[in-house]
Amino acid sequence: MELNAYRIMWLFVFFDLPTETKKDRKNASVFRKNLLKNGFTMMQYSVYMRHCASGEAADTHEKRIQRILPPFGKVSILRITDKQYGNIMNFWGKSAQAIEPTPLQLELF
């Protein structure tokens, strides 16, 4: 399998979870912790992202997310290629920030 910018995937998880009750806050916290445990990094408060070496790896992580969904709230998953991710523009204030380089990692599962 040849790795290229069209096979490598990025998964984005966007969520809006309720936090009115103590149980809601606990569910939201557990969901975020599980995303981190599964290799996602926080891009913004309710936006997490993960590099996947292939579409098959992205499928696996999408299934994992589906298994850890909280009982209430909205969760969306977006999959894009590394080539598409290369066009992202990040701004902190008015100054543009460079994108983080693609992780150099080998996934065994």
C-alpha atoms as a PDB file:
ATOM      1  CA  MET A   1       0.000   0.000   0.000  1.00  0.00           C
ATOM      2  CA  GLU A   2       1.521   3.274  -1.116  1.00  0.00           C
ATOM      3  CA  LEU A   3       0.965   6.249   1.169  1.00  0.00           C
ATOM      4  CA  ASN A   4       0.156   9.461  -0.635  1.00  0.00           C
ATOM      5  CA  ALA A   5      -1.742  12.667   0.025  1.00  0.00           C
ATOM      6  CA  TYR A   6      -4.930  11.201  -1.444  1.00  0.00           C
ATOM      7  CA  ARG A   7      -4.947   8.019   0.684  1.00  0.00           C
ATOM      8  CA  ILE A   8      -3.908   9.576   3.998  1.00  0.00           C
ATOM      9  CA  MET A   9      -6.944  10.825   5.896  1.00  0.00           C
ATOM     10  CA  TRP A  10      -7.711  13.336   8.595  1.00  0.00           C
ATOM     11  CA  LEU A  11     -10.738  12.816  10.823  1.00  0.00           C
ATOM     12  CA  PHE A  12     -12.425  15.783  12.443  1.00  0.00           C
ATOM     13  CA  VAL A  13     -14.958  15.361  15.232  1.00  0.00           C
ATOM     14  CA  PHE A  14     -17.230  18.327  15.934  1.00  0.00           C
ATOM     15  CA  PHE A  15     -19.569  18.206  18.895  1.00  0.00           C
ATOM     16  CA  ASP A  16     -22.048  20.242  20.878  1.00  0.00           C
ATOM     17  CA  LEU A  17     -22.895  18.410  24.084  1.00  0.00           C
ATOM     18  CA  PRO A  18     -25.262  19.488  26.851  1.00  0.00           C
ATOM     19  CA  THR A  19     -23.702  20.578  30.149  1.00  0.00           C
ATOM     20  CA  GLU A  20     -26.756  21.597  32.205  1.00  0.00           C
ATOM     21  CA  THR A  21     -26.604  18.761  34.742  1.00  0.00           C
ATOM     22  CA  LYS A  22     -23.751  17.055  36.535  1.00  0.00           C
ATOM     23  CA  LYS A  23     -24.453  13.875  34.539  1.00  0.00           C
ATOM     24  CA  ASP A  24     -24.321  15.842  31.245  1.00  0.00           C
ATOM     25  CA  ARG A  25     -20.970  17.385  32.204  1.00  0.00           C
ATOM     26  CA  LYS A  26     -19.641  13.937  33.134  1.00  0.00           C
ATOM     27  CA  ASN A  27     -20.789  12.466  29.788  1.00  0.00           C
ATOM     28  CA  ALA A  28     -19.143  15.338  27.877  1.00  0.00           C
ATOM     29  CA  SER A  29     -15.914  14.943  29.844  1.00  0.00           C
ATOM     30  CA  VAL A  30     -15.799  11.183  29.287  1.00  0.00           C
ATOM     31  CA  PHE A  31     -16.385  11.681  25.549  1.00  0.00           C
ATOM     32  CA  ARG A  32     -13.517  14.203  25.282  1.00  0.00           C
ATOM     33  CA  LYS A  33     -11.192  11.968  27.309  1.00  0.00           C
ATOM     34  CA  ASN A  34     -12.015   9.009  25.072  1.00  0.00           C
ATOM     35  CA  LEU A  35     -11.215  11.061  21.977  1.00  0.00           C
ATOM     36  CA  LEU A  36      -7.817  11.934  23.466  1.00  0.00           C
ATOM     37  CA  LYS A  37      -7.253   8.300  24.439  1.00  0.00           C
ATOM     38  CA  ASN A  38      -7.946   7.308  20.814  1.00  0.00           C
ATOM     39  CA  GLY A  39      -5.266   9.619  19.437  1.00  0.00           C
ATOM     40  CA  PHE A  40      -7.296  12.748  18.693  1.00  0.00           C
ATOM     41  CA  THR A  41      -5.922  16.190  19.476  1.00  0.00           C
ATOM     42  CA  MET A  42      -7.939  19.256  20.322  1.00  0.00           C
ATOM     43  CA  MET A  43      -8.010  21.817  17.516  1.00  0.00           C
ATOM     44  CA  GLN A  44     -10.633  23.995  19.210  1.00  0.00           C
ATOM     45  CA  TYR A  45     -12.737  23.384  22.291  1.00  0.00           C
ATOM     46  CA  SER A  46     -15.361  21.207  20.536  1.00  0.00           C
ATOM     47  CA  VAL A  47     -13.282  20.237  17.499  1.00  0.00           C
ATOM     48  CA  TYR A  48     -10.866  17.328  17.654  1.00  0.00           C
ATOM     49  CA  MET A  49      -8.764  15.907  14.838  1.00  0.00           C
ATOM     50  CA  ARG A  50      -6.744  12.790  14.106  1.00  0.00           C
ATOM     51  CA  HIS A  51      -4.333  11.696  11.392  1.00  0.00           C
ATOM     52  CA  CYS A  52      -5.084   8.307   9.808  1.00  0.00           C
ATOM     53  CA  ALA A  53      -2.698   6.536   7.456  1.00  0.00           C
ATOM     54  CA  SER A  54      -5.515   5.217   5.248  1.00  0.00           C
ATOM     55  CA  GLY A  55      -9.231   5.143   4.655  1.00  0.00           C
ATOM     56  CA  GLU A  56      -9.384   1.783   6.407  1.00  0.00           C
ATOM     57  CA  ALA A  57      -7.780   3.250   9.528  1.00  0.00           C
ATOM     58  CA  ALA A  58     -10.273   6.126   9.369  1.00  0.00           C
ATOM     59  CA  ASP A  59     -13.114   3.563   9.197  1.00  0.00           C
ATOM     60  CA  THR A  60     -11.815   1.956  12.389  1.00  0.00           C
ATOM     61  CA  HIS A  61     -11.691   5.266  14.254  1.00  0.00           C
ATOM     62  CA  GLU A  62     -15.143   6.283  13.027  1.00  0.00           C
ATOM     63  CA  LYS A  63     -16.534   3.031  14.467  1.00  0.00           C
ATOM     64  CA  ARG A  64     -14.761   3.714  17.772  1.00  0.00           C
ATOM     65  CA  ILE A  65     -16.330   7.166  17.924  1.00  0.00           C
ATOM     66  CA  GLN A  66     -19.759   5.668  17.276  1.00  0.00           C
ATOM     67  CA  ARG A  67     -19.238   3.296  20.231  1.00  0.00           C
ATOM     68  CA  ILE A  68     -18.365   6.135  22.650  1.00  0.00           C
ATOM     69  CA  LEU A  69     -21.124   8.579  21.645  1.00  0.00           C
ATOM     70  CA  PRO A  70     -22.756  10.270  24.632  1.00  0.00           C
ATOM     71  CA  PRO A  71     -26.514   9.743  25.077  1.00  0.00           C
ATOM     72  CA  PHE A  72     -27.385  13.375  24.222  1.00  0.00           C
ATOM     73  CA  GLY A  73     -25.928  16.134  22.069  1.00  0.00           C
ATOM     74  CA  LYS A  74     -24.714  16.541  18.508  1.00  0.00           C
ATOM     75  CA  VAL A  75     -21.593  14.870  17.130  1.00  0.00           C
ATOM     76  CA  SER A  76     -20.377  15.146  13.532  1.00  0.00           C
ATOM     77  CA  ILE A  77     -17.446  13.395  11.877  1.00  0.00           C
ATOM     78  CA  LEU A  78     -15.705  14.788   8.817  1.00  0.00           C
ATOM     79  CA  ARG A  79     -13.117  12.853   6.808  1.00  0.00           C
ATOM     80  CA  ILE A  80     -10.788  14.669   4.416  1.00  0.00           C
ATOM     81  CA  THR A  81      -7.656  13.677   2.534  1.00  0.00           C
ATOM     82  CA  ASP A  82      -4.219  14.919   3.476  1.00  0.00           C
ATOM     83  CA  LYS A  83      -4.188  16.832   0.181  1.00  0.00           C
ATOM     84  CA  GLN A  84      -7.366  18.694   1.194  1.00  0.00           C
ATOM     85  CA  TYR A  85      -6.008  19.323   4.696  1.00  0.00           C
ATOM     86  CA  GLY A  86      -2.956  20.944   3.112  1.00  0.00           C
ATOM     87  CA  ASN A  87      -5.209  23.857   2.062  1.00  0.00           C
ATOM     88  CA  ILE A  88      -6.273  24.745   5.607  1.00  0.00           C
ATOM     89  CA  MET A  89      -5.681  28.295   6.802  1.00  0.00           C
ATOM     90  CA  ASN A  90      -5.355  28.790  10.566  1.00  0.00           C
ATOM     91  CA  PHE A  91      -5.520  32.208  12.206  1.00  0.00           C
ATOM     92  CA  TRP A  92      -4.823  33.182  15.792  1.00  0.00           C
ATOM     93  CA  GLY A  93      -5.806  36.802  15.973  1.00  0.00           C
ATOM     94  CA  LYS A  94      -4.910  38.447  12.676  1.00  0.00           C
ATOM     95  CA  SER A  95      -1.720  36.497  12.056  1.00  0.00           C
ATOM     96  CA  ALA A  96      -1.719  33.279  10.032  1.00  0.00           C
ATOM     97  CA  GLN A  97      -0.193  30.193  11.613  1.00  0.00           C
ATOM     98  CA  ALA A  98       1.520  27.400   9.705  1.00  0.00           C
ATOM     99  CA  ILE A  99      -0.190  24.020   9.660  1.00  0.00           C
ATOM    100  CA  GLU A 100       1.334  21.302  11.769  1.00  0.00           C
ATOM    101  CA  PRO A 101       3.353  18.786   9.742  1.00  0.00           C
ATOM    102  CA  THR A 102       1.861  15.376   9.077  1.00  0.00           C
ATOM    103  CA  PRO A 103       2.785  13.026  11.928  1.00  0.00           C
ATOM    104  CA  LEU A 104       5.466  10.520  11.082  1.00  0.00           C
ATOM    105  CA  GLN A 105       3.988   7.466  12.711  1.00  0.00           C
ATOM    106  CA  LEU A 106       3.243   3.890  11.868  1.00  0.00           C
ATOM    107  CA  GLU A 107      -0.162   2.549  12.838  1.00  0.00           C
ATOM    108  CA  LEU A 108      -0.292  -1.157  13.557  1.00  0.00           C
ATOM    109  CA  PHE A 109      -4.067  -1.510  13.853  1.00  0.00           C
END
